[in-house]
Amino acid sequence: MSRPPSYGAPIALAEAARVMAAAQAEAVRNDWPMVIAIVGSGGHLVILHALDDAQHGSVAVAQAKAETAVNFRRPSKLFEEAVEAGGLGLRVLAMSNLLPLDGGLPLIVDGCVIGAIGVSGMQSTQDAQVAAAGAAALLAEATTVRS
């Protein structure tokens, strides 16, 4: 396994807003009532949106997915896969500081984690699809700025 990326300065509000807009657009396009959370590189909440009709329980879940992705500098899906594999992978269930469900992605710019996005409200794969749309918007913006 390669070394995870370093932490960078926390995501700026304007960047977080672009990530949120892209994720929200994906959720709305699919008519999915989602909660979308974006945290900075320190794990603190920057933006939280609960779309109309999103379930109340998804607020904490979206935040926990984002916190998992930023605190461990990797997608929360990797922990879900570890649990699915069983055996030694079940050890992650003893950890109180992570949520082993797909839908949390670190936000990386110039090789540094500047935050994370977490999404909850539908099946984990759908949550992940919305999170990926948000992360892609940040990557597209970073590529445009550097060009």
N, C-alpha and C. Protein backbone atom coordinates (compact mmCIF):
# COMPACT_ATOMS: atom_id res chain seq x y z
N MET A 1 0.85 -1.18 0.00
CA MET A 1 0.00 0.00 0.00
C MET A 1 0.89 1.23 0.00
N SER A 2 0.56 2.19 -0.86
CA SER A 2 1.34 3.41 -0.92
C SER A 2 0.98 4.35 0.23
N ARG A 3 1.86 5.26 0.47
CA ARG A 3 1.67 6.24 1.54
C ARG A 3 0.50 7.15 1.19
N PRO A 4 -0.40 7.42 2.16
CA PRO A 4 -1.52 8.32 1.86
C PRO A 4 -1.02 9.75 1.65
N PRO A 5 -1.82 10.56 0.96
CA PRO A 5 -1.41 11.96 0.72
C PRO A 5 -1.32 12.75 2.02
N SER A 6 -0.54 13.81 1.99
CA SER A 6 -0.40 14.71 3.15
C SER A 6 -1.66 15.56 3.28
N TYR A 7 -1.81 16.16 4.46
CA TYR A 7 -2.89 17.13 4.66
C TYR A 7 -2.43 18.48 4.14
N GLY A 8 -3.38 19.21 3.57
CA GLY A 8 -3.12 20.57 3.12
C GLY A 8 -3.96 21.54 3.93
N ALA A 9 -3.93 22.79 3.52
CA ALA A 9 -4.78 23.81 4.14
C ALA A 9 -6.24 23.41 3.92
N PRO A 10 -7.13 23.76 4.84
CA PRO A 10 -8.54 23.38 4.69
C PRO A 10 -9.16 23.96 3.42
N ILE A 11 -10.10 23.24 2.87
CA ILE A 11 -10.83 23.68 1.69
C ILE A 11 -11.46 25.06 1.95
N ALA A 12 -11.32 25.94 0.98
CA ALA A 12 -11.92 27.27 1.08
C ALA A 12 -13.44 27.16 0.87
N LEU A 13 -14.17 28.09 1.42
CA LEU A 13 -15.62 28.07 1.31
C LEU A 13 -16.07 28.08 -0.15
N ALA A 14 -15.41 28.86 -1.00
CA ALA A 14 -15.80 28.92 -2.42
C ALA A 14 -15.60 27.56 -3.09
N GLU A 15 -14.50 26.88 -2.76
CA GLU A 15 -14.26 25.54 -3.32
C GLU A 15 -15.32 24.56 -2.81
N ALA A 16 -15.59 24.63 -1.52
CA ALA A 16 -16.59 23.74 -0.93
C ALA A 16 -17.96 23.98 -1.56
N ALA A 17 -18.26 25.22 -1.88
CA ALA A 17 -19.55 25.54 -2.51
C ALA A 17 -19.64 24.92 -3.90
N ARG A 18 -18.54 24.90 -4.65
CA ARG A 18 -18.53 24.26 -5.98
C ARG A 18 -18.72 22.75 -5.85
N VAL A 19 -18.05 22.15 -4.88
CA VAL A 19 -18.20 20.73 -4.64
C VAL A 19 -19.65 20.42 -4.27
N MET A 20 -20.21 21.22 -3.37
CA MET A 20 -21.59 21.03 -2.93
C MET A 20 -22.56 21.16 -4.10
N ALA A 21 -22.37 22.18 -4.94
CA ALA A 21 -23.28 22.41 -6.07
C ALA A 21 -23.28 21.21 -7.02
N ALA A 22 -22.11 20.67 -7.30
CA ALA A 22 -22.04 19.52 -8.21
C ALA A 22 -22.67 18.28 -7.59
N ALA A 23 -22.42 18.05 -6.32
CA ALA A 23 -23.02 16.90 -5.64
C ALA A 23 -24.53 17.05 -5.57
N GLN A 24 -24.98 18.23 -5.21
CA GLN A 24 -26.43 18.48 -5.11
C GLN A 24 -27.09 18.31 -6.47
N ALA A 25 -26.45 18.77 -7.53
CA ALA A 25 -27.02 18.63 -8.87
C ALA A 25 -27.18 17.15 -9.23
N GLU A 26 -26.20 16.33 -8.86
CA GLU A 26 -26.29 14.89 -9.14
C GLU A 26 -27.44 14.25 -8.36
N ALA A 27 -27.59 14.63 -7.11
CA ALA A 27 -28.69 14.10 -6.30
C ALA A 27 -30.04 14.53 -6.86
N VAL A 28 -30.17 15.78 -7.22
CA VAL A 28 -31.43 16.30 -7.76
C VAL A 28 -31.74 15.65 -9.10
N ARG A 29 -30.72 15.47 -9.93
CA ARG A 29 -30.91 14.84 -11.25
C ARG A 29 -31.49 13.43 -11.11
N ASN A 30 -31.13 12.75 -10.04
CA ASN A 30 -31.62 11.38 -9.81
C ASN A 30 -32.82 11.32 -8.86
N ASP A 31 -33.28 12.49 -8.39
CA ASP A 31 -34.40 12.57 -7.46
C ASP A 31 -34.12 11.78 -6.17
N TRP A 32 -32.90 11.97 -5.65
CA TRP A 32 -32.48 11.29 -4.43
C TRP A 32 -32.46 12.29 -3.28
N PRO A 33 -33.21 12.07 -2.22
CA PRO A 33 -33.21 12.97 -1.05
C PRO A 33 -31.98 12.71 -0.18
N MET A 34 -30.95 13.46 -0.40
CA MET A 34 -29.65 13.23 0.23
C MET A 34 -29.31 14.30 1.25
N VAL A 35 -28.36 13.94 2.10
CA VAL A 35 -27.66 14.90 2.95
C VAL A 35 -26.22 14.88 2.49
N ILE A 36 -25.64 16.05 2.27
CA ILE A 36 -24.28 16.18 1.77
C ILE A 36 -23.49 17.02 2.78
N ALA A 37 -22.37 16.48 3.24
CA ALA A 37 -21.52 17.19 4.21
C ALA A 37 -20.12 17.36 3.61
N ILE A 38 -19.56 18.52 3.81
CA ILE A 38 -18.18 18.78 3.40
C ILE A 38 -17.43 19.29 4.61
N VAL A 39 -16.29 18.63 4.89
CA VAL A 39 -15.44 19.01 6.01
C VAL A 39 -14.09 19.48 5.46
N GLY A 40 -13.40 20.29 6.25
CA GLY A 40 -12.06 20.73 5.89
C GLY A 40 -11.02 19.70 6.29
N SER A 41 -9.76 19.98 6.01
CA SER A 41 -8.69 19.03 6.29
C SER A 41 -8.53 18.73 7.77
N GLY A 42 -9.05 19.57 8.63
CA GLY A 42 -9.02 19.32 10.07
C GLY A 42 -10.21 18.53 10.57
N GLY A 43 -11.12 18.18 9.65
CA GLY A 43 -12.29 17.39 10.01
C GLY A 43 -13.49 18.19 10.46
N HIS A 44 -13.39 19.51 10.42
CA HIS A 44 -14.50 20.35 10.87
C HIS A 44 -15.45 20.66 9.72
N LEU A 45 -16.73 20.70 10.03
CA LEU A 45 -17.77 20.93 9.04
C LEU A 45 -17.62 22.30 8.39
N VAL A 46 -17.68 22.33 7.06
CA VAL A 46 -17.64 23.57 6.29
C VAL A 46 -19.03 23.88 5.74
N ILE A 47 -19.68 22.87 5.13
CA ILE A 47 -21.02 23.05 4.57
C ILE A 47 -21.81 21.75 4.79
N LEU A 48 -23.08 21.91 5.10
CA LEU A 48 -23.99 20.77 5.20
C LEU A 48 -25.29 21.15 4.52
N HIS A 49 -25.75 20.32 3.57
CA HIS A 49 -27.04 20.53 2.91
C HIS A 49 -27.88 19.29 3.11
N ALA A 50 -29.09 19.48 3.58
CA ALA A 50 -30.07 18.40 3.62
C ALA A 50 -31.12 18.75 2.57
N LEU A 51 -31.17 17.96 1.51
CA LEU A 51 -32.14 18.21 0.46
C LEU A 51 -33.54 17.91 0.98
N ASP A 52 -34.54 18.44 0.31
CA ASP A 52 -35.93 18.22 0.71
C ASP A 52 -36.20 16.72 0.85
N ASP A 53 -36.91 16.37 1.90
CA ASP A 53 -37.31 14.99 2.19
C ASP A 53 -36.18 14.07 2.58
N ALA A 54 -34.98 14.59 2.85
CA ALA A 54 -33.88 13.73 3.33
C ALA A 54 -34.21 13.25 4.73
N GLN A 55 -33.85 12.01 5.02
CA GLN A 55 -34.14 11.47 6.34
C GLN A 55 -33.22 12.09 7.39
N HIS A 56 -33.75 12.31 8.56
CA HIS A 56 -33.03 12.98 9.64
C HIS A 56 -31.75 12.25 10.01
N GLY A 57 -31.79 10.92 10.02
CA GLY A 57 -30.62 10.14 10.41
C GLY A 57 -29.44 10.31 9.48
N SER A 58 -29.69 10.75 8.26
CA SER A 58 -28.61 10.91 7.29
C SER A 58 -27.70 12.09 7.58
N VAL A 59 -28.14 13.03 8.41
CA VAL A 59 -27.29 14.17 8.75
C VAL A 59 -26.01 13.69 9.43
N ALA A 60 -26.17 12.91 10.50
CA ALA A 60 -25.00 12.41 11.23
C ALA A 60 -24.19 11.43 10.38
N VAL A 61 -24.87 10.63 9.57
CA VAL A 61 -24.18 9.64 8.74
C VAL A 61 -23.31 10.34 7.69
N ALA A 62 -23.85 11.35 7.01
CA ALA A 62 -23.07 12.08 6.00
C ALA A 62 -21.83 12.71 6.63
N GLN A 63 -22.00 13.32 7.79
CA GLN A 63 -20.85 13.91 8.47
C GLN A 63 -19.83 12.85 8.85
N ALA A 64 -20.28 11.71 9.35
CA ALA A 64 -19.36 10.64 9.76
C ALA A 64 -18.61 10.07 8.56
N LYS A 65 -19.26 9.97 7.41
CA LYS A 65 -18.57 9.50 6.21
C LYS A 65 -17.48 10.48 5.79
N ALA A 66 -17.80 11.78 5.82
CA ALA A 66 -16.81 12.80 5.47
C ALA A 66 -15.65 12.78 6.47
N GLU A 67 -15.95 12.68 7.75
CA GLU A 67 -14.90 12.65 8.77
C GLU A 67 -14.03 11.41 8.62
N THR A 68 -14.63 10.28 8.29
CA THR A 68 -13.84 9.07 8.06
C THR A 68 -12.87 9.28 6.91
N ALA A 69 -13.37 9.82 5.80
CA ALA A 69 -12.53 10.03 4.62
C ALA A 69 -11.38 10.99 4.88
N VAL A 70 -11.63 12.05 5.64
CA VAL A 70 -10.55 13.01 5.90
C VAL A 70 -9.60 12.50 6.98
N ASN A 71 -10.13 11.89 8.02
CA ASN A 71 -9.27 11.43 9.11
C ASN A 71 -8.34 10.31 8.70
N PHE A 72 -8.79 9.47 7.76
CA PHE A 72 -7.96 8.36 7.32
C PHE A 72 -7.39 8.57 5.92
N ARG A 73 -7.70 9.72 5.31
CA ARG A 73 -7.16 10.12 4.01
C ARG A 73 -7.38 9.07 2.93
N ARG A 74 -8.58 8.47 2.98
CA ARG A 74 -8.95 7.47 1.98
C ARG A 74 -10.46 7.35 1.93
N PRO A 75 -10.98 6.79 0.85
CA PRO A 75 -12.43 6.63 0.73
C PRO A 75 -12.99 5.73 1.84
N SER A 76 -14.15 6.08 2.33
CA SER A 76 -14.79 5.26 3.37
C SER A 76 -15.15 3.87 2.84
N LYS A 77 -15.26 3.74 1.53
CA LYS A 77 -15.56 2.44 0.91
C LYS A 77 -14.51 1.39 1.27
N LEU A 78 -13.26 1.79 1.45
CA LEU A 78 -12.22 0.81 1.78
C LEU A 78 -12.52 0.11 3.10
N PHE A 79 -13.12 0.83 4.04
CA PHE A 79 -13.48 0.23 5.32
C PHE A 79 -14.69 -0.69 5.16
N GLU A 80 -15.63 -0.30 4.30
CA GLU A 80 -16.77 -1.15 4.00
C GLU A 80 -16.30 -2.47 3.40
N GLU A 81 -15.35 -2.39 2.48
CA GLU A 81 -14.81 -3.59 1.84
C GLU A 81 -14.08 -4.47 2.85
N ALA A 82 -13.39 -3.87 3.81
CA ALA A 82 -12.70 -4.65 4.84
C ALA A 82 -13.70 -5.44 5.67
N VAL A 83 -14.80 -4.82 6.02
CA VAL A 83 -15.84 -5.50 6.80
C VAL A 83 -16.46 -6.62 5.96
N GLU A 84 -16.74 -6.33 4.69
CA GLU A 84 -17.32 -7.34 3.80
C GLU A 84 -16.42 -8.56 3.67
N ALA A 85 -15.10 -8.33 3.68
CA ALA A 85 -14.15 -9.43 3.53
C ALA A 85 -14.11 -10.31 4.77
N GLY A 86 -14.53 -9.77 5.90
CA GLY A 86 -14.52 -10.55 7.14
C GLY A 86 -13.12 -10.74 7.68
N GLY A 87 -12.94 -11.79 8.46
CA GLY A 87 -11.63 -12.07 9.04
C GLY A 87 -11.09 -10.89 9.80
N LEU A 88 -9.82 -10.57 9.56
CA LEU A 88 -9.18 -9.46 10.25
C LEU A 88 -9.82 -8.11 9.92
N GLY A 89 -10.49 -8.03 8.77
CA GLY A 89 -11.18 -6.79 8.39
C GLY A 89 -12.27 -6.38 9.35
N LEU A 90 -12.79 -7.34 10.10
CA LEU A 90 -13.85 -7.03 11.07
C LEU A 90 -13.34 -6.18 12.23
N ARG A 91 -12.02 -6.07 12.37
CA ARG A 91 -11.46 -5.24 13.45
C ARG A 91 -11.91 -3.79 13.37
N VAL A 92 -12.20 -3.31 12.15
CA VAL A 92 -12.60 -1.91 12.03
C VAL A 92 -13.91 -1.63 12.76
N LEU A 93 -14.71 -2.66 12.99
CA LEU A 93 -15.96 -2.47 13.71
C LEU A 93 -15.72 -2.09 15.17
N ALA A 94 -14.54 -2.34 15.68
CA ALA A 94 -14.20 -1.97 17.06
C ALA A 94 -13.77 -0.52 17.17
N MET A 95 -13.57 0.14 16.05
CA MET A 95 -13.11 1.53 16.05
C MET A 95 -14.31 2.47 16.14
N SER A 96 -14.24 3.41 17.06
CA SER A 96 -15.36 4.33 17.25
C SER A 96 -15.24 5.59 16.38
N ASN A 97 -14.13 5.74 15.68
CA ASN A 97 -13.90 6.98 14.93
C ASN A 97 -13.98 6.81 13.42
N LEU A 98 -14.71 5.80 12.95
CA LEU A 98 -14.89 5.66 11.52
C LEU A 98 -16.23 5.02 11.22
N LEU A 99 -16.71 5.27 10.01
CA LEU A 99 -17.97 4.69 9.55
C LEU A 99 -17.66 3.88 8.29
N PRO A 100 -17.76 2.55 8.36
CA PRO A 100 -17.38 1.71 7.22
C PRO A 100 -18.50 1.57 6.18
N LEU A 101 -18.89 2.70 5.58
CA LEU A 101 -19.91 2.72 4.54
C LEU A 101 -19.43 3.58 3.38
N ASP A 102 -19.69 3.14 2.16
CA ASP A 102 -19.33 3.89 0.97
C ASP A 102 -20.09 5.22 0.96
N GLY A 103 -19.46 6.24 0.41
CA GLY A 103 -20.10 7.55 0.32
C GLY A 103 -19.27 8.67 0.90
N GLY A 104 -18.06 8.36 1.37
CA GLY A 104 -17.14 9.38 1.88
C GLY A 104 -15.87 9.38 1.04
N LEU A 105 -15.49 10.55 0.53
CA LEU A 105 -14.29 10.67 -0.31
C LEU A 105 -13.42 11.82 0.16
N PRO A 106 -12.10 11.60 0.23
CA PRO A 106 -11.22 12.74 0.51
C PRO A 106 -11.21 13.67 -0.70
N LEU A 107 -11.03 14.94 -0.45
CA LEU A 107 -10.91 15.94 -1.52
C LEU A 107 -9.44 16.31 -1.60
N ILE A 108 -8.84 16.03 -2.74
CA ILE A 108 -7.39 16.15 -2.90
C ILE A 108 -7.07 17.16 -3.99
N VAL A 109 -6.20 18.11 -3.67
CA VAL A 109 -5.71 19.10 -4.63
C VAL A 109 -4.20 19.15 -4.50
N ASP A 110 -3.52 19.09 -5.63
CA ASP A 110 -2.05 19.12 -5.66
C ASP A 110 -1.44 18.09 -4.71
N GLY A 111 -2.05 16.92 -4.64
CA GLY A 111 -1.51 15.83 -3.83
C GLY A 111 -1.77 15.94 -2.35
N CYS A 112 -2.56 16.93 -1.92
CA CYS A 112 -2.84 17.12 -0.50
C CYS A 112 -4.34 17.03 -0.22
N VAL A 113 -4.68 16.41 0.90
CA VAL A 113 -6.08 16.32 1.33
C VAL A 113 -6.47 17.67 1.92
N ILE A 114 -7.45 18.33 1.28
CA ILE A 114 -7.91 19.63 1.78
C ILE A 114 -9.26 19.53 2.46
N GLY A 115 -9.85 18.33 2.43
CA GLY A 115 -11.14 18.11 3.05
C GLY A 115 -11.72 16.80 2.60
N ALA A 116 -13.03 16.64 2.79
CA ALA A 116 -13.71 15.43 2.35
C ALA A 116 -15.19 15.73 2.19
N ILE A 117 -15.83 14.88 1.39
CA ILE A 117 -17.27 14.96 1.20
C ILE A 117 -17.88 13.65 1.69
N GLY A 118 -19.00 13.75 2.36
CA GLY A 118 -19.75 12.58 2.80
C GLY A 118 -21.19 12.75 2.40
N VAL A 119 -21.80 11.67 1.90
CA VAL A 119 -23.17 11.72 1.42
C VAL A 119 -23.95 10.55 2.00
N SER A 120 -25.20 10.81 2.39
CA SER A 120 -26.07 9.76 2.92
C SER A 120 -27.50 10.05 2.52
N GLY A 121 -28.27 8.99 2.39
CA GLY A 121 -29.69 9.15 2.09
C GLY A 121 -30.27 8.04 1.25
N MET A 122 -29.43 7.40 0.46
CA MET A 122 -29.89 6.30 -0.40
C MET A 122 -29.00 5.09 -0.12
N GLN A 123 -28.88 4.18 -1.08
CA GLN A 123 -27.95 3.07 -0.93
C GLN A 123 -26.54 3.62 -0.99
N SER A 124 -25.61 2.92 -0.37
CA SER A 124 -24.23 3.41 -0.32
C SER A 124 -23.64 3.68 -1.69
N THR A 125 -23.96 2.86 -2.68
CA THR A 125 -23.42 3.09 -4.02
C THR A 125 -23.97 4.38 -4.62
N GLN A 126 -25.22 4.71 -4.31
CA GLN A 126 -25.81 5.96 -4.79
C GLN A 126 -25.21 7.14 -4.04
N ASP A 127 -25.00 6.97 -2.75
CA ASP A 127 -24.32 8.01 -1.97
C ASP A 127 -22.95 8.29 -2.57
N ALA A 128 -22.24 7.21 -2.91
CA ALA A 128 -20.89 7.35 -3.48
C ALA A 128 -20.93 8.05 -4.84
N GLN A 129 -21.95 7.79 -5.63
CA GLN A 129 -22.09 8.44 -6.94
C GLN A 129 -22.22 9.95 -6.77
N VAL A 130 -22.99 10.38 -5.80
CA VAL A 130 -23.17 11.81 -5.54
C VAL A 130 -21.87 12.42 -5.00
N ALA A 131 -21.20 11.71 -4.10
CA ALA A 131 -19.92 12.19 -3.57
C ALA A 131 -18.89 12.33 -4.69
N ALA A 132 -18.86 11.36 -5.59
CA ALA A 132 -17.90 11.40 -6.70
C ALA A 132 -18.16 12.59 -7.62
N ALA A 133 -19.43 12.92 -7.83
CA ALA A 133 -19.75 14.09 -8.66
C ALA A 133 -19.20 15.36 -8.02
N GLY A 134 -19.32 15.46 -6.70
CA GLY A 134 -18.77 16.62 -6.01
C GLY A 134 -17.26 16.68 -6.10
N ALA A 135 -16.61 15.55 -5.85
CA ALA A 135 -15.15 15.50 -5.90
C ALA A 135 -14.64 15.81 -7.30
N ALA A 136 -15.34 15.34 -8.31
CA ALA A 136 -14.94 15.60 -9.70
C ALA A 136 -14.97 17.08 -10.03
N ALA A 137 -15.93 17.80 -9.45
CA ALA A 137 -16.01 19.24 -9.70
C ALA A 137 -14.78 19.96 -9.15
N LEU A 138 -14.29 19.51 -8.01
CA LEU A 138 -13.09 20.12 -7.43
C LEU A 138 -11.89 19.81 -8.30
N LEU A 139 -11.77 18.59 -8.78
CA LEU A 139 -10.66 18.20 -9.65
C LEU A 139 -10.69 18.98 -10.94
N ALA A 140 -11.87 19.15 -11.52
CA ALA A 140 -12.00 19.92 -12.77
C ALA A 140 -11.59 21.37 -12.56
N GLU A 141 -11.99 21.93 -11.42
CA GLU A 141 -11.63 23.32 -11.11
C GLU A 141 -10.13 23.45 -10.91
N ALA A 142 -9.51 22.52 -10.20
CA ALA A 142 -8.06 22.57 -9.95
C ALA A 142 -7.30 22.44 -11.25
N THR A 143 -7.76 21.61 -12.17
CA THR A 143 -7.12 21.42 -13.46
C THR A 143 -7.23 22.70 -14.29
N THR A 144 -8.38 23.34 -14.26
CA THR A 144 -8.59 24.57 -15.02
C THR A 144 -7.71 25.70 -14.50
N VAL A 145 -7.59 25.82 -13.19
CA VAL A 145 -6.79 26.88 -12.58
C VAL A 145 -5.32 26.71 -12.92
N ARG A 146 -4.83 25.47 -12.96
CA ARG A 146 -3.42 25.23 -13.23
C ARG A 146 -3.08 25.37 -14.71
N SER A 147 -4.07 25.24 -15.60
CA SER A 147 -3.79 25.29 -17.05
C SER A 147 -3.51 26.69 -17.51
